[in-house]
Amino acid sequence: YFNPLCEIYYFKDSQGHEVDFVVKEGDKVKECINVTYASGFDEIDKREWRSLLKAREVLGCSKLTIVTWDYEDKKELSWFGRRGEISFVPLWKWLLQIPSKERRRY
């Protein structure tokens, strides 16, 4: 997210649902990201993915991501009528997706 048009925010609603990073480009929310040290789905606190589902509803975000220590998967999750596909991405893989300055020049 080295696009100068992108802005990064934190989200917390009145019920305490938190999202670590909300990536916004212009007036559109592109991605909601939570970060956890967990190594497996059973170690991920439900509040991590529930907060993403809530943010999806409130902010209109369709790309939901949880950055983990080394767990990778995609799951369709639901909670109180809220549904969404959440990508679980290991930190090392998420970091490799960030373009370097050299690669952006070409």
N, C-alpha and C. Protein backbone atom coordinates (compact mmCIF):
# COMPACT_ATOMS: atom_id res chain seq x y z
N TYR A 1 0.82 -1.19 0.00
CA TYR A 1 0.00 0.00 0.00
C TYR A 1 0.86 1.25 0.00
N PHE A 2 1.74 1.31 -0.98
CA PHE A 2 2.58 2.48 -1.12
C PHE A 2 1.99 3.44 -2.15
N ASN A 3 0.75 3.25 -2.46
CA ASN A 3 0.04 4.15 -3.35
C ASN A 3 -0.23 5.45 -2.59
N PRO A 4 0.20 6.59 -3.11
CA PRO A 4 0.00 7.84 -2.38
C PRO A 4 -1.47 8.20 -2.20
N LEU A 5 -2.35 7.55 -2.95
CA LEU A 5 -3.78 7.81 -2.80
C LEU A 5 -4.41 6.99 -1.69
N CYS A 6 -3.67 6.02 -1.15
CA CYS A 6 -4.18 5.17 -0.08
C CYS A 6 -3.98 5.83 1.28
N GLU A 7 -4.98 5.63 2.12
CA GLU A 7 -4.90 6.10 3.50
C GLU A 7 -5.15 4.88 4.39
N ILE A 8 -4.51 4.85 5.54
CA ILE A 8 -4.67 3.72 6.46
C ILE A 8 -5.26 4.24 7.77
N TYR A 9 -6.31 3.56 8.21
CA TYR A 9 -7.02 3.94 9.43
C TYR A 9 -7.16 2.74 10.36
N TYR A 10 -7.62 3.02 11.55
CA TYR A 10 -7.98 2.04 12.57
C TYR A 10 -9.48 2.16 12.75
N PHE A 11 -10.17 1.03 12.97
CA PHE A 11 -11.62 1.05 13.14
C PHE A 11 -11.99 0.46 14.49
N LYS A 12 -12.90 1.13 15.19
CA LYS A 12 -13.48 0.59 16.42
C LYS A 12 -14.89 1.13 16.53
N ASP A 13 -15.86 0.23 16.70
CA ASP A 13 -17.24 0.68 16.84
C ASP A 13 -17.63 0.78 18.31
N SER A 14 -18.85 1.19 18.57
CA SER A 14 -19.32 1.40 19.94
C SER A 14 -19.43 0.11 20.74
N GLN A 15 -19.45 -1.04 20.05
CA GLN A 15 -19.54 -2.33 20.73
C GLN A 15 -18.17 -2.96 20.95
N GLY A 16 -17.11 -2.25 20.56
CA GLY A 16 -15.76 -2.74 20.80
C GLY A 16 -15.14 -3.57 19.70
N HIS A 17 -15.82 -3.69 18.56
CA HIS A 17 -15.22 -4.42 17.43
C HIS A 17 -14.10 -3.57 16.85
N GLU A 18 -12.91 -4.15 16.74
CA GLU A 18 -11.74 -3.41 16.28
C GLU A 18 -11.13 -4.05 15.04
N VAL A 19 -10.65 -3.20 14.14
CA VAL A 19 -9.90 -3.64 12.97
C VAL A 19 -8.58 -2.88 12.99
N ASP A 20 -7.48 -3.62 12.91
CA ASP A 20 -6.16 -3.03 13.03
C ASP A 20 -5.83 -2.04 11.91
N PHE A 21 -6.16 -2.41 10.67
CA PHE A 21 -5.84 -1.56 9.53
C PHE A 21 -7.01 -1.53 8.55
N VAL A 22 -7.49 -0.35 8.25
CA VAL A 22 -8.51 -0.14 7.22
C VAL A 22 -7.82 0.64 6.10
N VAL A 23 -7.73 0.02 4.93
CA VAL A 23 -7.04 0.64 3.80
C VAL A 23 -8.09 1.28 2.89
N LYS A 24 -7.97 2.58 2.73
CA LYS A 24 -8.94 3.35 1.96
C LYS A 24 -8.25 4.04 0.79
N GLU A 25 -8.87 3.98 -0.36
CA GLU A 25 -8.38 4.69 -1.54
C GLU A 25 -9.50 5.59 -2.03
N GLY A 26 -9.29 6.88 -1.95
CA GLY A 26 -10.36 7.82 -2.28
C GLY A 26 -11.47 7.67 -1.26
N ASP A 27 -12.69 7.46 -1.75
CA ASP A 27 -13.81 7.28 -0.82
C ASP A 27 -14.20 5.82 -0.65
N LYS A 28 -13.37 4.90 -1.14
CA LYS A 28 -13.69 3.47 -1.08
C LYS A 28 -12.71 2.73 -0.16
N VAL A 29 -13.27 1.90 0.72
CA VAL A 29 -12.45 1.04 1.58
C VAL A 29 -12.06 -0.18 0.76
N LYS A 30 -10.75 -0.37 0.56
CA LYS A 30 -10.25 -1.47 -0.26
C LYS A 30 -10.07 -2.76 0.52
N GLU A 31 -9.60 -2.64 1.78
CA GLU A 31 -9.29 -3.85 2.54
C GLU A 31 -9.33 -3.56 4.04
N CYS A 32 -9.77 -4.57 4.79
CA CYS A 32 -9.73 -4.52 6.25
C CYS A 32 -8.80 -5.64 6.71
N ILE A 33 -7.85 -5.30 7.59
CA ILE A 33 -6.81 -6.25 8.00
C ILE A 33 -6.71 -6.31 9.51
N ASN A 34 -6.73 -7.52 10.05
CA ASN A 34 -6.40 -7.75 11.45
C ASN A 34 -5.12 -8.58 11.50
N VAL A 35 -4.37 -8.43 12.57
CA VAL A 35 -3.08 -9.12 12.71
C VAL A 35 -3.10 -9.92 14.01
N THR A 36 -2.61 -11.17 13.93
CA THR A 36 -2.55 -12.03 15.11
C THR A 36 -1.28 -12.89 15.06
N TYR A 37 -0.83 -13.32 16.21
CA TYR A 37 0.36 -14.18 16.29
C TYR A 37 0.01 -15.66 16.12
N ALA A 38 -1.24 -15.98 15.93
CA ALA A 38 -1.71 -17.36 15.88
C ALA A 38 -1.08 -18.16 14.73
N SER A 39 -0.94 -19.48 14.97
CA SER A 39 -0.38 -20.39 13.97
C SER A 39 -1.41 -21.35 13.40
N GLY A 40 -2.64 -21.29 13.88
CA GLY A 40 -3.68 -22.17 13.39
C GLY A 40 -5.04 -21.52 13.60
N PHE A 41 -6.04 -22.01 12.85
CA PHE A 41 -7.37 -21.40 12.96
C PHE A 41 -7.92 -21.50 14.37
N ASP A 42 -7.67 -22.64 15.02
CA ASP A 42 -8.19 -22.83 16.38
C ASP A 42 -7.54 -21.88 17.39
N GLU A 43 -6.40 -21.28 17.05
CA GLU A 43 -5.73 -20.32 17.94
C GLU A 43 -6.19 -18.89 17.71
N ILE A 44 -6.89 -18.66 16.61
CA ILE A 44 -7.32 -17.29 16.28
C ILE A 44 -8.57 -16.96 17.08
N ASP A 45 -8.49 -15.91 17.86
CA ASP A 45 -9.62 -15.48 18.66
C ASP A 45 -10.77 -15.09 17.73
N LYS A 46 -11.97 -15.53 18.08
CA LYS A 46 -13.14 -15.24 17.23
C LYS A 46 -13.34 -13.74 17.03
N ARG A 47 -12.92 -12.95 18.00
CA ARG A 47 -13.11 -11.49 17.86
C ARG A 47 -12.36 -10.95 16.65
N GLU A 48 -11.27 -11.62 16.23
CA GLU A 48 -10.50 -11.15 15.07
C GLU A 48 -11.35 -11.19 13.80
N TRP A 49 -12.00 -12.33 13.55
CA TRP A 49 -12.78 -12.43 12.32
C TRP A 49 -14.17 -11.83 12.47
N ARG A 50 -14.72 -11.84 13.68
CA ARG A 50 -16.03 -11.20 13.89
C ARG A 50 -15.93 -9.69 13.64
N SER A 51 -14.85 -9.09 14.08
CA SER A 51 -14.65 -7.66 13.86
C SER A 51 -14.54 -7.33 12.37
N LEU A 52 -13.91 -8.21 11.61
CA LEU A 52 -13.83 -8.00 10.16
C LEU A 52 -15.21 -8.08 9.51
N LEU A 53 -16.02 -9.03 9.95
CA LEU A 53 -17.37 -9.14 9.40
C LEU A 53 -18.20 -7.90 9.74
N LYS A 54 -18.05 -7.40 10.94
CA LYS A 54 -18.76 -6.18 11.34
C LYS A 54 -18.29 -4.99 10.51
N ALA A 55 -16.98 -4.85 10.33
CA ALA A 55 -16.43 -3.75 9.53
C ALA A 55 -16.89 -3.86 8.08
N ARG A 56 -16.99 -5.07 7.58
CA ARG A 56 -17.47 -5.27 6.21
C ARG A 56 -18.86 -4.67 6.06
N GLU A 57 -19.70 -4.92 7.05
CA GLU A 57 -21.07 -4.42 7.02
C GLU A 57 -21.11 -2.88 7.14
N VAL A 58 -20.33 -2.34 8.05
CA VAL A 58 -20.34 -0.90 8.32
C VAL A 58 -19.61 -0.10 7.24
N LEU A 59 -18.46 -0.59 6.80
CA LEU A 59 -17.61 0.16 5.89
C LEU A 59 -17.76 -0.22 4.42
N GLY A 60 -18.44 -1.33 4.16
CA GLY A 60 -18.62 -1.77 2.78
C GLY A 60 -17.37 -2.38 2.17
N CYS A 61 -16.54 -2.97 2.99
CA CYS A 61 -15.29 -3.56 2.54
C CYS A 61 -15.51 -5.02 2.14
N SER A 62 -15.02 -5.41 0.98
CA SER A 62 -15.21 -6.80 0.55
C SER A 62 -13.96 -7.66 0.75
N LYS A 63 -12.78 -7.05 0.84
CA LYS A 63 -11.53 -7.82 1.02
C LYS A 63 -11.17 -7.83 2.50
N LEU A 64 -11.30 -9.00 3.10
CA LEU A 64 -11.04 -9.17 4.53
C LEU A 64 -9.84 -10.08 4.72
N THR A 65 -8.87 -9.63 5.51
CA THR A 65 -7.62 -10.37 5.67
C THR A 65 -7.22 -10.43 7.13
N ILE A 66 -6.74 -11.61 7.54
CA ILE A 66 -6.09 -11.75 8.84
C ILE A 66 -4.66 -12.20 8.58
N VAL A 67 -3.71 -11.39 9.00
CA VAL A 67 -2.29 -11.73 8.87
C VAL A 67 -1.93 -12.55 10.10
N THR A 68 -1.39 -13.76 9.87
CA THR A 68 -1.08 -14.70 10.95
C THR A 68 0.43 -14.94 11.00
N TRP A 69 0.85 -15.71 11.99
CA TRP A 69 2.27 -16.06 12.07
C TRP A 69 2.64 -16.98 10.91
N ASP A 70 1.88 -18.09 10.73
CA ASP A 70 2.21 -19.00 9.63
C ASP A 70 1.02 -19.81 9.12
N TYR A 71 -0.19 -19.40 9.45
CA TYR A 71 -1.40 -20.10 9.01
C TYR A 71 -1.92 -19.48 7.72
N GLU A 72 -2.30 -20.35 6.76
CA GLU A 72 -2.82 -19.86 5.48
C GLU A 72 -4.08 -20.63 5.11
N ASP A 73 -5.11 -19.89 4.73
CA ASP A 73 -6.37 -20.51 4.33
C ASP A 73 -7.32 -19.41 3.86
N LYS A 74 -8.44 -19.83 3.29
CA LYS A 74 -9.56 -18.94 3.01
C LYS A 74 -10.78 -19.63 3.58
N LYS A 75 -11.57 -18.89 4.32
CA LYS A 75 -12.77 -19.47 4.93
C LYS A 75 -13.94 -18.53 4.75
N GLU A 76 -15.09 -19.12 4.47
CA GLU A 76 -16.36 -18.39 4.46
C GLU A 76 -16.91 -18.51 5.87
N LEU A 77 -17.00 -17.37 6.56
CA LEU A 77 -17.43 -17.37 7.95
C LEU A 77 -18.70 -16.55 8.11
N SER A 78 -19.48 -16.88 9.12
CA SER A 78 -20.70 -16.11 9.39
C SER A 78 -20.86 -15.92 10.89
N TRP A 79 -21.56 -14.84 11.22
CA TRP A 79 -21.79 -14.50 12.62
C TRP A 79 -22.98 -13.55 12.67
N PHE A 80 -24.06 -13.97 13.30
CA PHE A 80 -25.29 -13.18 13.44
C PHE A 80 -25.75 -12.60 12.10
N GLY A 81 -25.79 -13.43 11.08
CA GLY A 81 -26.26 -13.01 9.77
C GLY A 81 -25.23 -12.31 8.90
N ARG A 82 -24.09 -11.99 9.46
CA ARG A 82 -23.02 -11.37 8.68
C ARG A 82 -22.18 -12.50 8.08
N ARG A 83 -21.89 -12.40 6.78
CA ARG A 83 -21.10 -13.42 6.10
C ARG A 83 -19.98 -12.76 5.33
N GLY A 84 -18.91 -13.53 5.15
CA GLY A 84 -17.83 -13.03 4.31
C GLY A 84 -16.70 -14.02 4.21
N GLU A 85 -15.98 -13.94 3.10
CA GLU A 85 -14.79 -14.77 2.92
C GLU A 85 -13.60 -14.02 3.51
N ILE A 86 -12.87 -14.70 4.36
CA ILE A 86 -11.70 -14.10 5.01
C ILE A 86 -10.46 -14.88 4.58
N SER A 87 -9.45 -14.14 4.14
CA SER A 87 -8.16 -14.73 3.79
C SER A 87 -7.25 -14.68 5.00
N PHE A 88 -6.64 -15.82 5.31
CA PHE A 88 -5.65 -15.92 6.38
C PHE A 88 -4.30 -16.05 5.69
N VAL A 89 -3.42 -15.08 5.92
CA VAL A 89 -2.15 -15.01 5.19
C VAL A 89 -0.99 -14.97 6.18
N PRO A 90 0.01 -15.87 6.00
CA PRO A 90 1.19 -15.81 6.87
C PRO A 90 1.91 -14.47 6.68
N LEU A 91 2.49 -13.98 7.75
CA LEU A 91 3.18 -12.69 7.72
C LEU A 91 4.22 -12.63 6.61
N TRP A 92 5.05 -13.68 6.49
CA TRP A 92 6.12 -13.65 5.49
C TRP A 92 5.56 -13.49 4.08
N LYS A 93 4.44 -14.15 3.81
CA LYS A 93 3.83 -14.08 2.48
C LYS A 93 3.20 -12.71 2.25
N TRP A 94 2.58 -12.18 3.28
CA TRP A 94 1.97 -10.85 3.18
C TRP A 94 3.04 -9.80 2.91
N LEU A 95 4.19 -9.92 3.59
CA LEU A 95 5.28 -8.96 3.39
C LEU A 95 5.86 -9.04 1.98
N LEU A 96 5.88 -10.23 1.40
CA LEU A 96 6.40 -10.39 0.03
C LEU A 96 5.48 -9.75 -1.01
N GLN A 97 4.24 -9.50 -0.66
CA GLN A 97 3.30 -8.87 -1.59
C GLN A 97 3.54 -7.37 -1.71
N ILE A 98 4.30 -6.78 -0.79
CA ILE A 98 4.55 -5.34 -0.80
C ILE A 98 5.63 -5.05 -1.84
N PRO A 99 5.32 -4.24 -2.84
CA PRO A 99 6.32 -3.97 -3.88
C PRO A 99 7.45 -3.09 -3.35
N SER A 100 8.65 -3.40 -3.80
CA SER A 100 9.80 -2.57 -3.42
C SER A 100 9.86 -1.37 -4.36
N LYS A 101 10.64 -0.36 -3.99
CA LYS A 101 10.79 0.83 -4.84
C LYS A 101 11.35 0.45 -6.21
N GLU A 102 12.30 -0.49 -6.23
CA GLU A 102 12.92 -0.88 -7.48
C GLU A 102 11.90 -1.51 -8.43
N ARG A 103 11.05 -2.36 -7.91
CA ARG A 103 10.08 -3.03 -8.76
C ARG A 103 9.00 -2.05 -9.25
N ARG A 104 8.72 -1.02 -8.48
CA ARG A 104 7.69 -0.06 -8.88
C ARG A 104 8.16 0.87 -9.99
N ARG A 105 9.47 1.00 -10.18
CA ARG A 105 9.98 1.89 -11.22
C ARG A 105 9.72 1.35 -12.62
N TYR A 106 9.60 0.04 -12.75
CA TYR A 106 9.51 -0.55 -14.09
C TYR A 106 8.09 -0.80 -14.50
